[in-house]
Amino acid sequence: MPDMVLAVVLAVVLAVLLVSVIGMVVTLVRFDRQVSASERAMLPAMQDKLTELARARARLLQASQEVQED
């Protein structure tokens, strides 16, 4: 009889641990998807900034060449 109680207690503990681990994995996957979605939302703004920086760089290079020509 004590062996049966021990087996049941052990089975319950293992089941609780399994459910807990599954819950943590689900939470991590959800968090990862939320981060990915927010990163995708920021991409157009980042591309606009990069375009703006590239244009500013081109203007600086052109101004530098004009100064060297003078």
PDB file of N, CA and C in Angstrom:
ATOM      1  N   MET A   1       0.811  -1.209   0.000  1.00  0.00           N
ATOM      2  CA  MET A   1       0.000   0.000   0.000  1.00  0.00           C
ATOM      3  C   MET A   1       0.852   1.271   0.000  1.00  0.00           C
ATOM      4  N   PRO A   2       1.892   1.377   0.861  1.00  0.00           N
ATOM      5  CA  PRO A   2       2.724   2.589   0.824  1.00  0.00           C
ATOM      6  C   PRO A   2       3.402   2.783  -0.534  1.00  0.00           C
ATOM      7  N   ASP A   3       3.745   1.688  -1.212  1.00  0.00           N
ATOM      8  CA  ASP A   3       4.362   1.813  -2.530  1.00  0.00           C
ATOM      9  C   ASP A   3       3.385   2.418  -3.535  1.00  0.00           C
ATOM     10  N   MET A   4       2.123   2.052  -3.409  1.00  0.00           N
ATOM     11  CA  MET A   4       1.094   2.574  -4.299  1.00  0.00           C
ATOM     12  C   MET A   4       0.913   4.081  -4.079  1.00  0.00           C
ATOM     13  N   VAL A   5       0.899   4.518  -2.826  1.00  0.00           N
ATOM     14  CA  VAL A   5       0.761   5.943  -2.505  1.00  0.00           C
ATOM     15  C   VAL A   5       1.958   6.717  -3.040  1.00  0.00           C
ATOM     16  N   LEU A   6       3.136   6.168  -2.855  1.00  0.00           N
ATOM     17  CA  LEU A   6       4.355   6.806  -3.351  1.00  0.00           C
ATOM     18  C   LEU A   6       4.317   6.927  -4.874  1.00  0.00           C
ATOM     19  N   ALA A   7       3.854   5.887  -5.537  1.00  0.00           N
ATOM     20  CA  ALA A   7       3.770   5.908  -7.001  1.00  0.00           C
ATOM     21  C   ALA A   7       2.776   6.973  -7.473  1.00  0.00           C
ATOM     22  N   VAL A   8       1.649   7.081  -6.780  1.00  0.00           N
ATOM     23  CA  VAL A   8       0.643   8.076  -7.155  1.00  0.00           C
ATOM     24  C   VAL A   8       1.183   9.487  -6.932  1.00  0.00           C
ATOM     25  N   VAL A   9       1.823   9.705  -5.781  1.00  0.00           N
ATOM     26  CA  VAL A   9       2.394  11.026  -5.487  1.00  0.00           C
ATOM     27  C   VAL A   9       3.452  11.377  -6.529  1.00  0.00           C
ATOM     28  N   LEU A  10       4.299  10.431  -6.860  1.00  0.00           N
ATOM     29  CA  LEU A  10       5.339  10.653  -7.860  1.00  0.00           C
ATOM     30  C   LEU A  10       4.724  10.962  -9.229  1.00  0.00           C
ATOM     31  N   ALA A  11       3.685  10.252  -9.594  1.00  0.00           N
ATOM     32  CA  ALA A  11       3.022  10.487 -10.875  1.00  0.00           C
ATOM     33  C   ALA A  11       2.405  11.889 -10.911  1.00  0.00           C
ATOM     34  N   VAL A  12       1.801  12.311  -9.811  1.00  0.00           N
ATOM     35  CA  VAL A  12       1.209  13.656  -9.754  1.00  0.00           C
ATOM     36  C   VAL A  12       2.290  14.725  -9.862  1.00  0.00           C
ATOM     37  N   VAL A  13       3.382  14.529  -9.149  1.00  0.00           N
ATOM     38  CA  VAL A  13       4.486  15.505  -9.207  1.00  0.00           C
ATOM     39  C   VAL A  13       5.041  15.598 -10.624  1.00  0.00           C
ATOM     40  N   LEU A  14       5.239  14.459 -11.269  1.00  0.00           N
ATOM     41  CA  LEU A  14       5.747  14.469 -12.644  1.00  0.00           C
ATOM     42  C   LEU A  14       4.757  15.135 -13.597  1.00  0.00           C
ATOM     43  N   ALA A  15       3.469  14.892 -13.409  1.00  0.00           N
ATOM     44  CA  ALA A  15       2.459  15.518 -14.261  1.00  0.00           C
ATOM     45  C   ALA A  15       2.470  17.026 -14.080  1.00  0.00           C
ATOM     46  N   VAL A  16       2.577  17.486 -12.851  1.00  0.00           N
ATOM     47  CA  VAL A  16       2.625  18.932 -12.590  1.00  0.00           C
ATOM     48  C   VAL A  16       3.871  19.545 -13.220  1.00  0.00           C
ATOM     49  N   LEU A  17       4.999  18.878 -13.097  1.00  0.00           N
ATOM     50  CA  LEU A  17       6.228  19.387 -13.719  1.00  0.00           C
ATOM     51  C   LEU A  17       6.096  19.452 -15.235  1.00  0.00           C
ATOM     52  N   LEU A  18       5.496  18.434 -15.817  1.00  0.00           N
ATOM     53  CA  LEU A  18       5.318  18.407 -17.268  1.00  0.00           C
ATOM     54  C   LEU A  18       4.421  19.551 -17.723  1.00  0.00           C
ATOM     55  N   VAL A  19       3.318  19.757 -17.038  1.00  0.00           N
ATOM     56  CA  VAL A  19       2.415  20.857 -17.377  1.00  0.00           C
ATOM     57  C   VAL A  19       3.126  22.197 -17.209  1.00  0.00           C
ATOM     58  N   SER A  20       3.930  22.332 -16.186  1.00  0.00           N
ATOM     59  CA  SER A  20       4.669  23.569 -15.941  1.00  0.00           C
ATOM     60  C   SER A  20       5.659  23.842 -17.073  1.00  0.00           C
ATOM     61  N   VAL A  21       6.386  22.837 -17.492  1.00  0.00           N
ATOM     62  CA  VAL A  21       7.357  23.004 -18.579  1.00  0.00           C
ATOM     63  C   VAL A  21       6.642  23.350 -19.877  1.00  0.00           C
ATOM     64  N   ILE A  22       5.539  22.688 -20.162  1.00  0.00           N
ATOM     65  CA  ILE A  22       4.780  22.997 -21.376  1.00  0.00           C
ATOM     66  C   ILE A  22       4.286  24.446 -21.328  1.00  0.00           C
ATOM     67  N   GLY A  23       3.823  24.892 -20.170  1.00  0.00           N
ATOM     68  CA  GLY A  23       3.375  26.274 -20.017  1.00  0.00           C
ATOM     69  C   GLY A  23       4.489  27.268 -20.265  1.00  0.00           C
ATOM     70  N   MET A  24       5.691  26.973 -19.772  1.00  0.00           N
ATOM     71  CA  MET A  24       6.834  27.873 -19.992  1.00  0.00           C
ATOM     72  C   MET A  24       7.196  27.932 -21.471  1.00  0.00           C
ATOM     73  N   VAL A  25       7.175  26.795 -22.149  1.00  0.00           N
ATOM     74  CA  VAL A  25       7.512  26.763 -23.579  1.00  0.00           C
ATOM     75  C   VAL A  25       6.489  27.570 -24.372  1.00  0.00           C
ATOM     76  N   VAL A  26       5.219  27.397 -24.062  1.00  0.00           N
ATOM     77  CA  VAL A  26       4.172  28.158 -24.758  1.00  0.00           C
ATOM     78  C   VAL A  26       4.360  29.654 -24.530  1.00  0.00           C
ATOM     79  N   THR A  27       4.678  30.039 -23.304  1.00  0.00           N
ATOM     80  CA  THR A  27       4.905  31.450 -22.989  1.00  0.00           C
ATOM     81  C   THR A  27       6.093  31.999 -23.779  1.00  0.00           C
ATOM     82  N   LEU A  28       7.176  31.243 -23.849  1.00  0.00           N
ATOM     83  CA  LEU A  28       8.350  31.694 -24.597  1.00  0.00           C
ATOM     84  C   LEU A  28       8.048  31.830 -26.082  1.00  0.00           C
ATOM     85  N   VAL A  29       7.295  30.894 -26.637  1.00  0.00           N
ATOM     86  CA  VAL A  29       6.955  30.965 -28.063  1.00  0.00           C
ATOM     87  C   VAL A  29       6.086  32.185 -28.336  1.00  0.00           C
ATOM     88  N   ARG A  30       5.123  32.447 -27.472  1.00  0.00           N
ATOM     89  CA  ARG A  30       4.271  33.631 -27.646  1.00  0.00           C
ATOM     90  C   ARG A  30       5.096  34.908 -27.577  1.00  0.00           C
ATOM     91  N   PHE A  31       5.995  34.978 -26.605  1.00  0.00           N
ATOM     92  CA  PHE A  31       6.837  36.165 -26.449  1.00  0.00           C
ATOM     93  C   PHE A  31       7.694  36.369 -27.693  1.00  0.00           C
ATOM     94  N   ASP A  32       8.266  35.271 -28.209  1.00  0.00           N
ATOM     95  CA  ASP A  32       9.106  35.351 -29.400  1.00  0.00           C
ATOM     96  C   ASP A  32       8.309  35.865 -30.589  1.00  0.00           C
ATOM     97  N   ARG A  33       7.072  35.408 -30.733  1.00  0.00           N
ATOM     98  CA  ARG A  33       6.233  35.869 -31.846  1.00  0.00           C
ATOM     99  C   ARG A  33       5.891  37.345 -31.693  1.00  0.00           C
ATOM    100  N   GLN A  34       5.648  37.794 -30.467  1.00  0.00           N
ATOM    101  CA  GLN A  34       5.342  39.207 -30.246  1.00  0.00           C
ATOM    102  C   GLN A  34       6.546  40.079 -30.592  1.00  0.00           C
ATOM    103  N   VAL A  35       7.734  39.631 -30.190  1.00  0.00           N
ATOM    104  CA  VAL A  35       8.952  40.386 -30.498  1.00  0.00           C
ATOM    105  C   VAL A  35       9.157  40.433 -32.006  1.00  0.00           C
ATOM    106  N   SER A  36       8.951  39.299 -32.676  1.00  0.00           N
ATOM    107  CA  SER A  36       9.126  39.261 -34.124  1.00  0.00           C
ATOM    108  C   SER A  36       8.152  40.211 -34.812  1.00  0.00           C
ATOM    109  N   ALA A  37       6.919  40.234 -34.333  1.00  0.00           N
ATOM    110  CA  ALA A  37       5.919  41.125 -34.925  1.00  0.00           C
ATOM    111  C   ALA A  37       6.305  42.587 -34.726  1.00  0.00           C
ATOM    112  N   SER A  38       6.793  42.931 -33.546  1.00  0.00           N
ATOM    113  CA  SER A  38       7.176  44.321 -33.302  1.00  0.00           C
ATOM    114  C   SER A  38       8.411  44.692 -34.119  1.00  0.00           C
ATOM    115  N   GLU A  39       9.314  43.748 -34.308  1.00  0.00           N
ATOM    116  CA  GLU A  39      10.486  44.020 -35.146  1.00  0.00           C
ATOM    117  C   GLU A  39      10.063  44.249 -36.596  1.00  0.00           C
ATOM    118  N   ARG A  40       9.121  43.437 -37.071  1.00  0.00           N
ATOM    119  CA  ARG A  40       8.626  43.626 -38.441  1.00  0.00           C
ATOM    120  C   ARG A  40       7.939  44.977 -38.586  1.00  0.00           C
ATOM    121  N   ALA A  41       7.257  45.409 -37.555  1.00  0.00           N
ATOM    122  CA  ALA A  41       6.579  46.706 -37.608  1.00  0.00           C
ATOM    123  C   ALA A  41       7.587  47.848 -37.671  1.00  0.00           C
ATOM    124  N   MET A  42       8.755  47.654 -37.106  1.00  0.00           N
ATOM    125  CA  MET A  42       9.775  48.712 -37.090  1.00  0.00           C
ATOM    126  C   MET A  42      10.597  48.749 -38.375  1.00  0.00           C
ATOM    127  N   LEU A  43      10.534  47.717 -39.200  1.00  0.00           N
ATOM    128  CA  LEU A  43      11.378  47.659 -40.393  1.00  0.00           C
ATOM    129  C   LEU A  43      11.192  48.846 -41.343  1.00  0.00           C
ATOM    130  N   PRO A  44       9.968  49.261 -41.679  1.00  0.00           N
ATOM    131  CA  PRO A  44       9.844  50.403 -42.591  1.00  0.00           C
ATOM    132  C   PRO A  44      10.503  51.671 -42.040  1.00  0.00           C
ATOM    133  N   ALA A  45      10.353  51.921 -40.756  1.00  0.00           N
ATOM    134  CA  ALA A  45      10.976  53.108 -40.161  1.00  0.00           C
ATOM    135  C   ALA A  45      12.497  53.002 -40.230  1.00  0.00           C
ATOM    136  N   MET A  46      13.021  51.811 -39.983  1.00  0.00           N
ATOM    137  CA  MET A  46      14.472  51.627 -40.052  1.00  0.00           C
ATOM    138  C   MET A  46      14.959  51.800 -41.489  1.00  0.00           C
ATOM    139  N   GLN A  47      14.193  51.307 -42.462  1.00  0.00           N
ATOM    140  CA  GLN A  47      14.583  51.475 -43.864  1.00  0.00           C
ATOM    141  C   GLN A  47      14.555  52.941 -44.259  1.00  0.00           C
ATOM    142  N   ASP A  48      13.552  53.677 -43.773  1.00  0.00           N
ATOM    143  CA  ASP A  48      13.492  55.116 -44.059  1.00  0.00           C
ATOM    144  C   ASP A  48      14.710  55.840 -43.487  1.00  0.00           C
ATOM    145  N   LYS A  49      15.093  55.472 -42.271  1.00  0.00           N
ATOM    146  CA  LYS A  49      16.282  56.087 -41.650  1.00  0.00           C
ATOM    147  C   LYS A  49      17.533  55.777 -42.456  1.00  0.00           C
ATOM    148  N   LEU A  50      17.667  54.519 -42.898  1.00  0.00           N
ATOM    149  CA  LEU A  50      18.844  54.149 -43.689  1.00  0.00           C
ATOM    150  C   LEU A  50      18.876  54.915 -45.014  1.00  0.00           C
ATOM    151  N   THR A  51      17.724  55.076 -45.632  1.00  0.00           N
ATOM    152  CA  THR A  51      17.653  55.843 -46.881  1.00  0.00           C
ATOM    153  C   THR A  51      18.052  57.291 -46.633  1.00  0.00           C
ATOM    154  N   GLU A  52      17.542  57.850 -45.551  1.00  0.00           N
ATOM    155  CA  GLU A  52      17.877  59.232 -45.194  1.00  0.00           C
ATOM    156  C   GLU A  52      19.380  59.384 -44.950  1.00  0.00           C
ATOM    157  N   LEU A  53      19.965  58.415 -44.240  1.00  0.00           N
ATOM    158  CA  LEU A  53      21.407  58.462 -43.984  1.00  0.00           C
ATOM    159  C   LEU A  53      22.209  58.325 -45.271  1.00  0.00           C
ATOM    160  N   ALA A  54      21.755  57.465 -46.168  1.00  0.00           N
ATOM    161  CA  ALA A  54      22.459  57.290 -47.442  1.00  0.00           C
ATOM    162  C   ALA A  54      22.411  58.579 -48.266  1.00  0.00           C
ATOM    163  N   ARG A  55      21.268  59.245 -48.260  1.00  0.00           N
ATOM    164  CA  ARG A  55      21.156  60.511 -48.998  1.00  0.00           C
ATOM    165  C   ARG A  55      22.056  61.583 -48.388  1.00  0.00           C
ATOM    166  N   ALA A  56      22.095  61.642 -47.059  1.00  0.00           N
ATOM    167  CA  ALA A  56      22.953  62.619 -46.388  1.00  0.00           C
ATOM    168  C   ALA A  56      24.419  62.341 -46.700  1.00  0.00           C
ATOM    169  N   ARG A  57      24.784  61.080 -46.723  1.00  0.00           N
ATOM    170  CA  ARG A  57      26.163  60.698 -47.058  1.00  0.00           C
ATOM    171  C   ARG A  57      26.501  61.118 -48.485  1.00  0.00           C
ATOM    172  N   ALA A  58      25.567  60.893 -49.400  1.00  0.00           N
ATOM    173  CA  ALA A  58      25.795  61.271 -50.798  1.00  0.00           C
ATOM    174  C   ALA A  58      25.969  62.788 -50.920  1.00  0.00           C
ATOM    175  N   ARG A  59      25.144  63.550 -50.192  1.00  0.00           N
ATOM    176  CA  ARG A  59      25.278  65.010 -50.223  1.00  0.00           C
ATOM    177  C   ARG A  59      26.635  65.447 -49.670  1.00  0.00           C
ATOM    178  N   LEU A  60      27.065  64.808 -48.584  1.00  0.00           N
ATOM    179  CA  LEU A  60      28.368  65.152 -48.011  1.00  0.00           C
ATOM    180  C   LEU A  60      29.511  64.832 -48.970  1.00  0.00           C
ATOM    181  N   LEU A  61      29.427  63.676 -49.616  1.00  0.00           N
ATOM    182  CA  LEU A  61      30.468  63.319 -50.585  1.00  0.00           C
ATOM    183  C   LEU A  61      30.501  64.308 -51.744  1.00  0.00           C
ATOM    184  N   GLN A  62      29.321  64.696 -52.217  1.00  0.00           N
ATOM    185  CA  GLN A  62      29.255  65.644 -53.322  1.00  0.00           C
ATOM    186  C   GLN A  62      29.830  66.991 -52.902  1.00  0.00           C
ATOM    187  N   ALA A  63      29.475  67.447 -51.705  1.00  0.00           N
ATOM    188  CA  ALA A  63      30.000  68.727 -51.216  1.00  0.00           C
ATOM    189  C   ALA A  63      31.507  68.651 -51.039  1.00  0.00           C
ATOM    190  N   SER A  64      31.991  67.523 -50.569  1.00  0.00           N
ATOM    191  CA  SER A  64      33.429  67.348 -50.385  1.00  0.00           C
ATOM    192  C   SER A  64      34.155  67.393 -51.725  1.00  0.00           C
ATOM    193  N   GLN A  65      33.576  66.768 -52.751  1.00  0.00           N
ATOM    194  CA  GLN A  65      34.200  66.798 -54.083  1.00  0.00           C
ATOM    195  C   GLN A  65      34.184  68.201 -54.673  1.00  0.00           C
ATOM    196  N   GLU A  66      33.093  68.927 -54.416  1.00  0.00           N
ATOM    197  CA  GLU A  66      33.011  70.303 -54.944  1.00  0.00           C
ATOM    198  C   GLU A  66      34.061  71.188 -54.282  1.00  0.00           C
ATOM    199  N   VAL A  67      34.293  70.986 -52.988  1.00  0.00           N
ATOM    200  CA  VAL A  67      35.297  71.779 -52.287  1.00  0.00           C
ATOM    201  C   VAL A  67      36.680  71.436 -52.801  1.00  0.00           C
ATOM    202  N   GLN A  68      36.933  70.185 -53.076  1.00  0.00           N
ATOM    203  CA  GLN A  68      38.247  69.774 -53.588  1.00  0.00           C
ATOM    204  C   GLN A  68      38.492  70.313 -54.991  1.00  0.00           C
ATOM    205  N   GLU A  69      37.440  70.443 -55.787  1.00  0.00           N
ATOM    206  CA  GLU A  69      37.580  70.967 -57.149  1.00  0.00           C
ATOM    207  C   GLU A  69      37.912  72.465 -57.157  1.00  0.00           C
ATOM    208  N   ASP A  70      37.447  73.162 -56.118  1.00  0.00           N
ATOM    209  CA  ASP A  70      37.699  74.611 -56.040  1.00  0.00           C
ATOM    210  C   ASP A  70      39.082  74.893 -55.599  1.00  0.00           C
TER     211      ASP A  70
END
